[in-house]
Amino acid sequence: MPHTPIRSSVLPLASFRPLIIGLLFLPAALGLFRQVMRGLGWSQGASLDWPLGILALGTLLICLEQAHMAIADLQQIEATQQQVQDRRLNRFHWVTLSTIAIELAGFYAASIWIGWGALIVLLSQVWFNLLARIQLQPGTTKPVRSCGVAQRLPVLLADGVSLLLIGLWIAQVAPIWNAVLLLAIVLLYGWVKYIQPAK
């Protein structure tokens, strides 16, 4: 007699993953929003600090985007694991989880020390792009595709430029211009990733 699996009335943990990820990023996002308010002089007793406000705004936008990406990446990993068996997925899963952990540490730090926190966040992106050797496209005939450092070079170059700018911001070398350039990079990234494909 064939074994019939018993359906559980309890929802699997994966169904709560977006909520869990969102709750992990939420306090950091609120802390960054407070930094934006403080930099723009909108907090009680705060004086206007454009470099702080602009950098905090850029970091807040990155925080929201990375929260979305964390959910999407974990869902893609789960969908791909259901489609194929590939040992590279285990390593990619570990790289993704470690990147999320480093990102969270950076965003929480940025809600207190904006420059150093943003630096940690950028280093998490370098970490991911150096270690993630594959790209996932679940639902296609080849859901796991090789994507090494050479293919990720444009992103790594952008990360390198951003690290240089944040280093200059921390050193207080033309902080307003470095903050503006960092925000411009964030906005350009968002435009290329989300707005341009929709046209």
C-alpha atoms as a PDB file:
ATOM      1  CA  MET A   1       0.000   0.000   0.000  1.00  0.00           C
ATOM      2  CA  PRO A   2       1.533   3.352  -1.040  1.00  0.00           C
ATOM      3  CA  HIS A   3       2.390   5.766   1.694  1.00  0.00           C
ATOM      4  CA  THR A   4       0.243   8.894   1.683  1.00  0.00           C
ATOM      5  CA  PRO A   5       1.955  11.938   3.199  1.00  0.00           C
ATOM      6  CA  ILE A   6       0.046  13.561   6.021  1.00  0.00           C
ATOM      7  CA  ARG A   7      -0.749  17.169   5.272  1.00  0.00           C
ATOM      8  CA  SER A   8       0.173  19.445   8.136  1.00  0.00           C
ATOM      9  CA  SER A   9      -2.169  22.255   9.101  1.00  0.00           C
ATOM     10  CA  VAL A  10       0.865  24.258  10.235  1.00  0.00           C
ATOM     11  CA  LEU A  11       2.271  26.591   7.590  1.00  0.00           C
ATOM     12  CA  PRO A  12       5.906  25.854   6.683  1.00  0.00           C
ATOM     13  CA  LEU A  13       8.578  28.247   7.913  1.00  0.00           C
ATOM     14  CA  ALA A  14       9.313  29.280   4.318  1.00  0.00           C
ATOM     15  CA  SER A  15       5.878  30.904   4.061  1.00  0.00           C
ATOM     16  CA  PHE A  16       6.835  33.256   6.902  1.00  0.00           C
ATOM     17  CA  ARG A  17      10.260  34.059   5.445  1.00  0.00           C
ATOM     18  CA  PRO A  18       9.298  37.423   3.834  1.00  0.00           C
ATOM     19  CA  LEU A  19       7.786  38.568   7.136  1.00  0.00           C
ATOM     20  CA  ILE A  20      10.825  37.400   9.117  1.00  0.00           C
ATOM     21  CA  ILE A  21      13.261  39.108   6.723  1.00  0.00           C
ATOM     22  CA  GLY A  22      11.173  42.267   6.767  1.00  0.00           C
ATOM     23  CA  LEU A  23      11.148  42.323  10.573  1.00  0.00           C
ATOM     24  CA  LEU A  24      14.928  41.886  10.642  1.00  0.00           C
ATOM     25  CA  PHE A  25      15.485  44.859   8.323  1.00  0.00           C
ATOM     26  CA  LEU A  26      12.737  47.091   9.773  1.00  0.00           C
ATOM     27  CA  PRO A  27      14.533  48.440  12.895  1.00  0.00           C
ATOM     28  CA  ALA A  28      17.608  49.278  10.819  1.00  0.00           C
ATOM     29  CA  ALA A  29      15.447  51.064   8.222  1.00  0.00           C
ATOM     30  CA  LEU A  30      13.752  53.062  10.981  1.00  0.00           C
ATOM     31  CA  GLY A  31      17.142  53.970  12.433  1.00  0.00           C
ATOM     32  CA  LEU A  32      18.322  55.136   9.010  1.00  0.00           C
ATOM     33  CA  PHE A  33      15.143  57.158   8.557  1.00  0.00           C
ATOM     34  CA  ARG A  34      15.922  58.843  11.875  1.00  0.00           C
ATOM     35  CA  GLN A  35      19.409  59.645  10.508  1.00  0.00           C
ATOM     36  CA  VAL A  36      17.822  61.191   7.395  1.00  0.00           C
ATOM     37  CA  MET A  37      15.533  63.315   9.568  1.00  0.00           C
ATOM     38  CA  ARG A  38      18.466  64.390  11.726  1.00  0.00           C
ATOM     39  CA  GLY A  39      20.647  65.266   8.731  1.00  0.00           C
ATOM     40  CA  LEU A  40      17.910  67.331   7.116  1.00  0.00           C
ATOM     41  CA  GLY A  41      17.303  69.161  10.389  1.00  0.00           C
ATOM     42  CA  TRP A  42      13.790  67.772  10.799  1.00  0.00           C
ATOM     43  CA  SER A  43      14.454  66.149  14.178  1.00  0.00           C
ATOM     44  CA  GLN A  44      13.916  68.123  17.364  1.00  0.00           C
ATOM     45  CA  GLY A  45      17.047  70.073  18.216  1.00  0.00           C
ATOM     46  CA  ALA A  46      18.939  68.846  15.114  1.00  0.00           C
ATOM     47  CA  SER A  47      20.904  71.255  12.955  1.00  0.00           C
ATOM     48  CA  LEU A  48      21.072  70.926   9.191  1.00  0.00           C
ATOM     49  CA  ASP A  49      23.765  68.441   8.082  1.00  0.00           C
ATOM     50  CA  TRP A  50      23.446  67.822   4.336  1.00  0.00           C
ATOM     51  CA  PRO A  51      26.283  65.257   4.030  1.00  0.00           C
ATOM     52  CA  LEU A  52      24.719  63.140   6.789  1.00  0.00           C
ATOM     53  CA  GLY A  53      21.192  63.474   5.435  1.00  0.00           C
ATOM     54  CA  ILE A  54      22.111  62.624   1.839  1.00  0.00           C
ATOM     55  CA  LEU A  55      24.282  59.642   2.797  1.00  0.00           C
ATOM     56  CA  ALA A  56      21.597  58.389   5.178  1.00  0.00           C
ATOM     57  CA  LEU A  57      18.972  58.660   2.419  1.00  0.00           C
ATOM     58  CA  GLY A  58      21.143  56.643   0.028  1.00  0.00           C
ATOM     59  CA  THR A  59      21.808  54.017   2.704  1.00  0.00           C
ATOM     60  CA  LEU A  60      18.094  53.833   3.550  1.00  0.00           C
ATOM     61  CA  LEU A  61      17.260  53.178  -0.117  1.00  0.00           C
ATOM     62  CA  ILE A  62      19.912  50.448  -0.227  1.00  0.00           C
ATOM     63  CA  CYS A  63      18.448  48.948   2.958  1.00  0.00           C
ATOM     64  CA  LEU A  64      14.969  48.717   1.424  1.00  0.00           C
ATOM     65  CA  GLU A  65      16.350  47.259  -1.812  1.00  0.00           C
ATOM     66  CA  GLN A  66      18.505  44.703  -0.011  1.00  0.00           C
ATOM     67  CA  ALA A  67      15.578  43.606   2.151  1.00  0.00           C
ATOM     68  CA  HIS A  68      13.652  42.947  -1.073  1.00  0.00           C
ATOM     69  CA  MET A  69      16.638  41.144  -2.590  1.00  0.00           C
ATOM     70  CA  ALA A  70      17.140  38.985   0.513  1.00  0.00           C
ATOM     71  CA  ILE A  71      13.560  37.732   0.215  1.00  0.00           C
ATOM     72  CA  ALA A  72      13.848  37.230  -3.553  1.00  0.00           C
ATOM     73  CA  ASP A  73      17.202  35.421  -3.334  1.00  0.00           C
ATOM     74  CA  LEU A  74      16.004  32.981  -0.667  1.00  0.00           C
ATOM     75  CA  GLN A  75      12.813  32.301  -2.624  1.00  0.00           C
ATOM     76  CA  GLN A  76      14.860  31.677  -5.784  1.00  0.00           C
ATOM     77  CA  ILE A  77      17.129  29.267  -3.923  1.00  0.00           C
ATOM     78  CA  GLU A  78      14.119  27.346  -2.616  1.00  0.00           C
ATOM     79  CA  ALA A  79      12.462  27.244  -6.052  1.00  0.00           C
ATOM     80  CA  THR A  80      15.682  26.081  -7.716  1.00  0.00           C
ATOM     81  CA  GLN A  81      16.253  23.368  -5.098  1.00  0.00           C
ATOM     82  CA  GLN A  82      12.801  21.995  -5.906  1.00  0.00           C
ATOM     83  CA  GLN A  83      13.676  21.970  -9.610  1.00  0.00           C
ATOM     84  CA  VAL A  84      17.209  20.515  -9.670  1.00  0.00           C
ATOM     85  CA  GLN A  85      19.801  18.875  -7.444  1.00  0.00           C
ATOM     86  CA  ASP A  86      23.026  20.845  -7.659  1.00  0.00           C
ATOM     87  CA  ARG A  87      25.732  20.889  -4.992  1.00  0.00           C
ATOM     88  CA  ARG A  88      26.583  24.486  -5.874  1.00  0.00           C
ATOM     89  CA  LEU A  89      23.235  25.558  -4.393  1.00  0.00           C
ATOM     90  CA  ASN A  90      24.387  24.691  -0.864  1.00  0.00           C
ATOM     91  CA  ARG A  91      27.388  26.998  -1.158  1.00  0.00           C
ATOM     92  CA  PHE A  92      25.297  29.740  -2.772  1.00  0.00           C
ATOM     93  CA  HIS A  93      22.755  29.429   0.049  1.00  0.00           C
ATOM     94  CA  TRP A  94      25.527  29.862   2.628  1.00  0.00           C
ATOM     95  CA  VAL A  95      26.965  32.875   0.767  1.00  0.00           C
ATOM     96  CA  THR A  96      23.495  34.459   0.594  1.00  0.00           C
ATOM     97  CA  LEU A  97      22.780  33.947   4.315  1.00  0.00           C
ATOM     98  CA  SER A  98      26.211  35.258   5.343  1.00  0.00           C
ATOM     99  CA  THR A  99      25.754  38.291   3.084  1.00  0.00           C
ATOM    100  CA  ILE A 100      22.375  39.045   4.669  1.00  0.00           C
ATOM    101  CA  ALA A 101      23.956  38.787   8.137  1.00  0.00           C
ATOM    102  CA  ILE A 102      26.788  41.190   7.207  1.00  0.00           C
ATOM    103  CA  GLU A 103      24.308  43.570   5.556  1.00  0.00           C
ATOM    104  CA  LEU A 104      22.136  43.624   8.661  1.00  0.00           C
ATOM    105  CA  ALA A 105      25.164  44.344  10.849  1.00  0.00           C
ATOM    106  CA  GLY A 106      26.044  47.214   8.508  1.00  0.00           C
ATOM    107  CA  PHE A 107      22.560  48.690   8.407  1.00  0.00           C
ATOM    108  CA  TYR A 108      22.210  48.539  12.188  1.00  0.00           C
ATOM    109  CA  ALA A 109      25.638  50.134  12.575  1.00  0.00           C
ATOM    110  CA  ALA A 110      24.670  52.801  10.021  1.00  0.00           C
ATOM    111  CA  SER A 111      21.659  53.761  12.107  1.00  0.00           C
ATOM    112  CA  ILE A 112      24.194  54.904  14.734  1.00  0.00           C
ATOM    113  CA  TRP A 113      27.424  55.592  12.781  1.00  0.00           C
ATOM    114  CA  ILE A 114      26.317  56.218   9.209  1.00  0.00           C
ATOM    115  CA  GLY A 115      29.717  56.195   7.508  1.00  0.00           C
ATOM    116  CA  TRP A 116      31.106  53.031   9.089  1.00  0.00           C
ATOM    117  CA  GLY A 117      27.799  51.225   8.736  1.00  0.00           C
ATOM    118  CA  ALA A 118      27.569  52.094   5.042  1.00  0.00           C
ATOM    119  CA  LEU A 119      31.139  50.824   4.643  1.00  0.00           C
ATOM    120  CA  ILE A 120      30.157  47.443   6.137  1.00  0.00           C
ATOM    121  CA  VAL A 121      27.137  47.249   3.818  1.00  0.00           C
ATOM    122  CA  LEU A 122      29.329  47.878   0.769  1.00  0.00           C
ATOM    123  CA  LEU A 123      31.823  45.257   1.936  1.00  0.00           C
ATOM    124  CA  SER A 124      28.945  42.765   2.160  1.00  0.00           C
ATOM    125  CA  GLN A 125      28.243  43.392  -1.522  1.00  0.00           C
ATOM    126  CA  VAL A 126      31.883  42.781  -2.410  1.00  0.00           C
ATOM    127  CA  TRP A 127      31.757  39.599  -0.300  1.00  0.00           C
ATOM    128  CA  PHE A 128      28.726  38.325  -2.217  1.00  0.00           C
ATOM    129  CA  ASN A 129      30.000  39.197  -5.683  1.00  0.00           C
ATOM    130  CA  LEU A 130      33.384  37.594  -5.033  1.00  0.00           C
ATOM    131  CA  LEU A 131      31.981  34.364  -3.570  1.00  0.00           C
ATOM    132  CA  ALA A 132      28.734  33.804  -5.484  1.00  0.00           C
ATOM    133  CA  ARG A 133      29.850  31.784  -8.471  1.00  0.00           C
ATOM    134  CA  ILE A 134      26.409  31.063  -9.848  1.00  0.00           C
ATOM    135  CA  GLN A 135      23.252  32.871 -10.893  1.00  0.00           C
ATOM    136  CA  LEU A 136      19.784  31.402 -10.409  1.00  0.00           C
ATOM    137  CA  GLN A 137      16.972  31.481 -12.946  1.00  0.00           C
ATOM    138  CA  PRO A 138      14.343  29.080 -11.604  1.00  0.00           C
ATOM    139  CA  GLY A 139      11.667  27.977 -14.033  1.00  0.00           C
ATOM    140  CA  THR A 140      14.064  27.908 -16.992  1.00  0.00           C
ATOM    141  CA  THR A 141      15.660  24.876 -18.630  1.00  0.00           C
ATOM    142  CA  LYS A 142      18.987  25.807 -17.005  1.00  0.00           C
ATOM    143  CA  PRO A 143      18.124  27.240 -13.584  1.00  0.00           C
ATOM    144  CA  VAL A 144      21.712  27.250 -12.278  1.00  0.00           C
ATOM    145  CA  ARG A 145      24.208  29.160 -14.399  1.00  0.00           C
ATOM    146  CA  SER A 146      27.867  29.880 -13.802  1.00  0.00           C
ATOM    147  CA  CYS A 147      28.545  33.532 -13.001  1.00  0.00           C
ATOM    148  CA  GLY A 148      32.072  34.142 -11.790  1.00  0.00           C
ATOM    149  CA  VAL A 149      34.051  37.228 -10.905  1.00  0.00           C
ATOM    150  CA  ALA A 150      34.594  38.132 -14.569  1.00  0.00           C
ATOM    151  CA  GLN A 151      30.831  38.333 -15.190  1.00  0.00           C
ATOM    152  CA  ARG A 152      30.338  40.348 -12.000  1.00  0.00           C
ATOM    153  CA  LEU A 153      33.209  42.748 -12.736  1.00  0.00           C
ATOM    154  CA  PRO A 154      30.986  45.781 -13.558  1.00  0.00           C
ATOM    155  CA  VAL A 155      29.187  45.401 -10.223  1.00  0.00           C
ATOM    156  CA  LEU A 156      32.486  44.940  -8.373  1.00  0.00           C
ATOM    157  CA  LEU A 157      33.866  48.086 -10.030  1.00  0.00           C
ATOM    158  CA  ALA A 158      30.794  50.030  -8.893  1.00  0.00           C
ATOM    159  CA  ASP A 159      31.290  48.611  -5.389  1.00  0.00           C
ATOM    160  CA  GLY A 160      34.941  49.692  -5.503  1.00  0.00           C
ATOM    161  CA  VAL A 161      34.025  53.250  -6.510  1.00  0.00           C
ATOM    162  CA  SER A 162      31.400  53.363  -3.760  1.00  0.00           C
ATOM    163  CA  LEU A 163      33.933  52.124  -1.181  1.00  0.00           C
ATOM    164  CA  LEU A 164      36.336  54.882  -2.246  1.00  0.00           C
ATOM    165  CA  LEU A 165      33.601  57.525  -1.925  1.00  0.00           C
ATOM    166  CA  ILE A 166      32.488  56.317   1.504  1.00  0.00           C
ATOM    167  CA  GLY A 167      36.131  56.222   2.620  1.00  0.00           C
ATOM    168  CA  LEU A 168      36.508  59.854   1.560  1.00  0.00           C
ATOM    169  CA  TRP A 169      33.232  60.705   3.334  1.00  0.00           C
ATOM    170  CA  ILE A 170      34.502  59.126   6.569  1.00  0.00           C
ATOM    171  CA  ALA A 171      37.755  61.074   6.195  1.00  0.00           C
ATOM    172  CA  GLN A 172      35.628  64.234   5.704  1.00  0.00           C
ATOM    173  CA  VAL A 173      37.146  64.943   2.294  1.00  0.00           C
ATOM    174  CA  ALA A 174      34.437  66.878   0.381  1.00  0.00           C
ATOM    175  CA  PRO A 175      31.698  64.966   2.278  1.00  0.00           C
ATOM    176  CA  ILE A 176      28.783  66.692   0.552  1.00  0.00           C
ATOM    177  CA  TRP A 177      30.017  65.762  -2.936  1.00  0.00           C
ATOM    178  CA  ASN A 178      30.836  62.198  -1.948  1.00  0.00           C
ATOM    179  CA  ALA A 179      27.385  61.807  -0.398  1.00  0.00           C
ATOM    180  CA  VAL A 180      25.743  63.195  -3.557  1.00  0.00           C
ATOM    181  CA  LEU A 181      27.780  60.860  -5.790  1.00  0.00           C
ATOM    182  CA  LEU A 182      26.889  57.844  -3.611  1.00  0.00           C
ATOM    183  CA  LEU A 183      23.193  58.747  -3.752  1.00  0.00           C
ATOM    184  CA  ALA A 184      23.491  59.158  -7.536  1.00  0.00           C
ATOM    185  CA  ILE A 185      24.999  55.649  -7.822  1.00  0.00           C
ATOM    186  CA  VAL A 186      22.123  54.231  -5.748  1.00  0.00           C
ATOM    187  CA  LEU A 187      19.515  56.005  -7.891  1.00  0.00           C
ATOM    188  CA  LEU A 188      21.218  54.933 -11.131  1.00  0.00           C
ATOM    189  CA  TYR A 189      21.312  51.325  -9.895  1.00  0.00           C
ATOM    190  CA  GLY A 190      17.597  51.483  -9.061  1.00  0.00           C
ATOM    191  CA  TRP A 191      16.783  53.000 -12.446  1.00  0.00           C
ATOM    192  CA  VAL A 192      18.757  50.344 -14.359  1.00  0.00           C
ATOM    193  CA  LYS A 193      17.350  47.480 -12.298  1.00  0.00           C
ATOM    194  CA  TYR A 194      13.708  48.431 -11.850  1.00  0.00           C
ATOM    195  CA  ILE A 195      12.628  51.306 -14.109  1.00  0.00           C
ATOM    196  CA  GLN A 196      14.500  50.773 -17.386  1.00  0.00           C
ATOM    197  CA  PRO A 197      13.342  47.107 -17.902  1.00  0.00           C
ATOM    198  CA  ALA A 198       9.719  48.179 -17.417  1.00  0.00           C
ATOM    199  CA  LYS A 199       9.856  50.526 -20.410  1.00  0.00           C
END
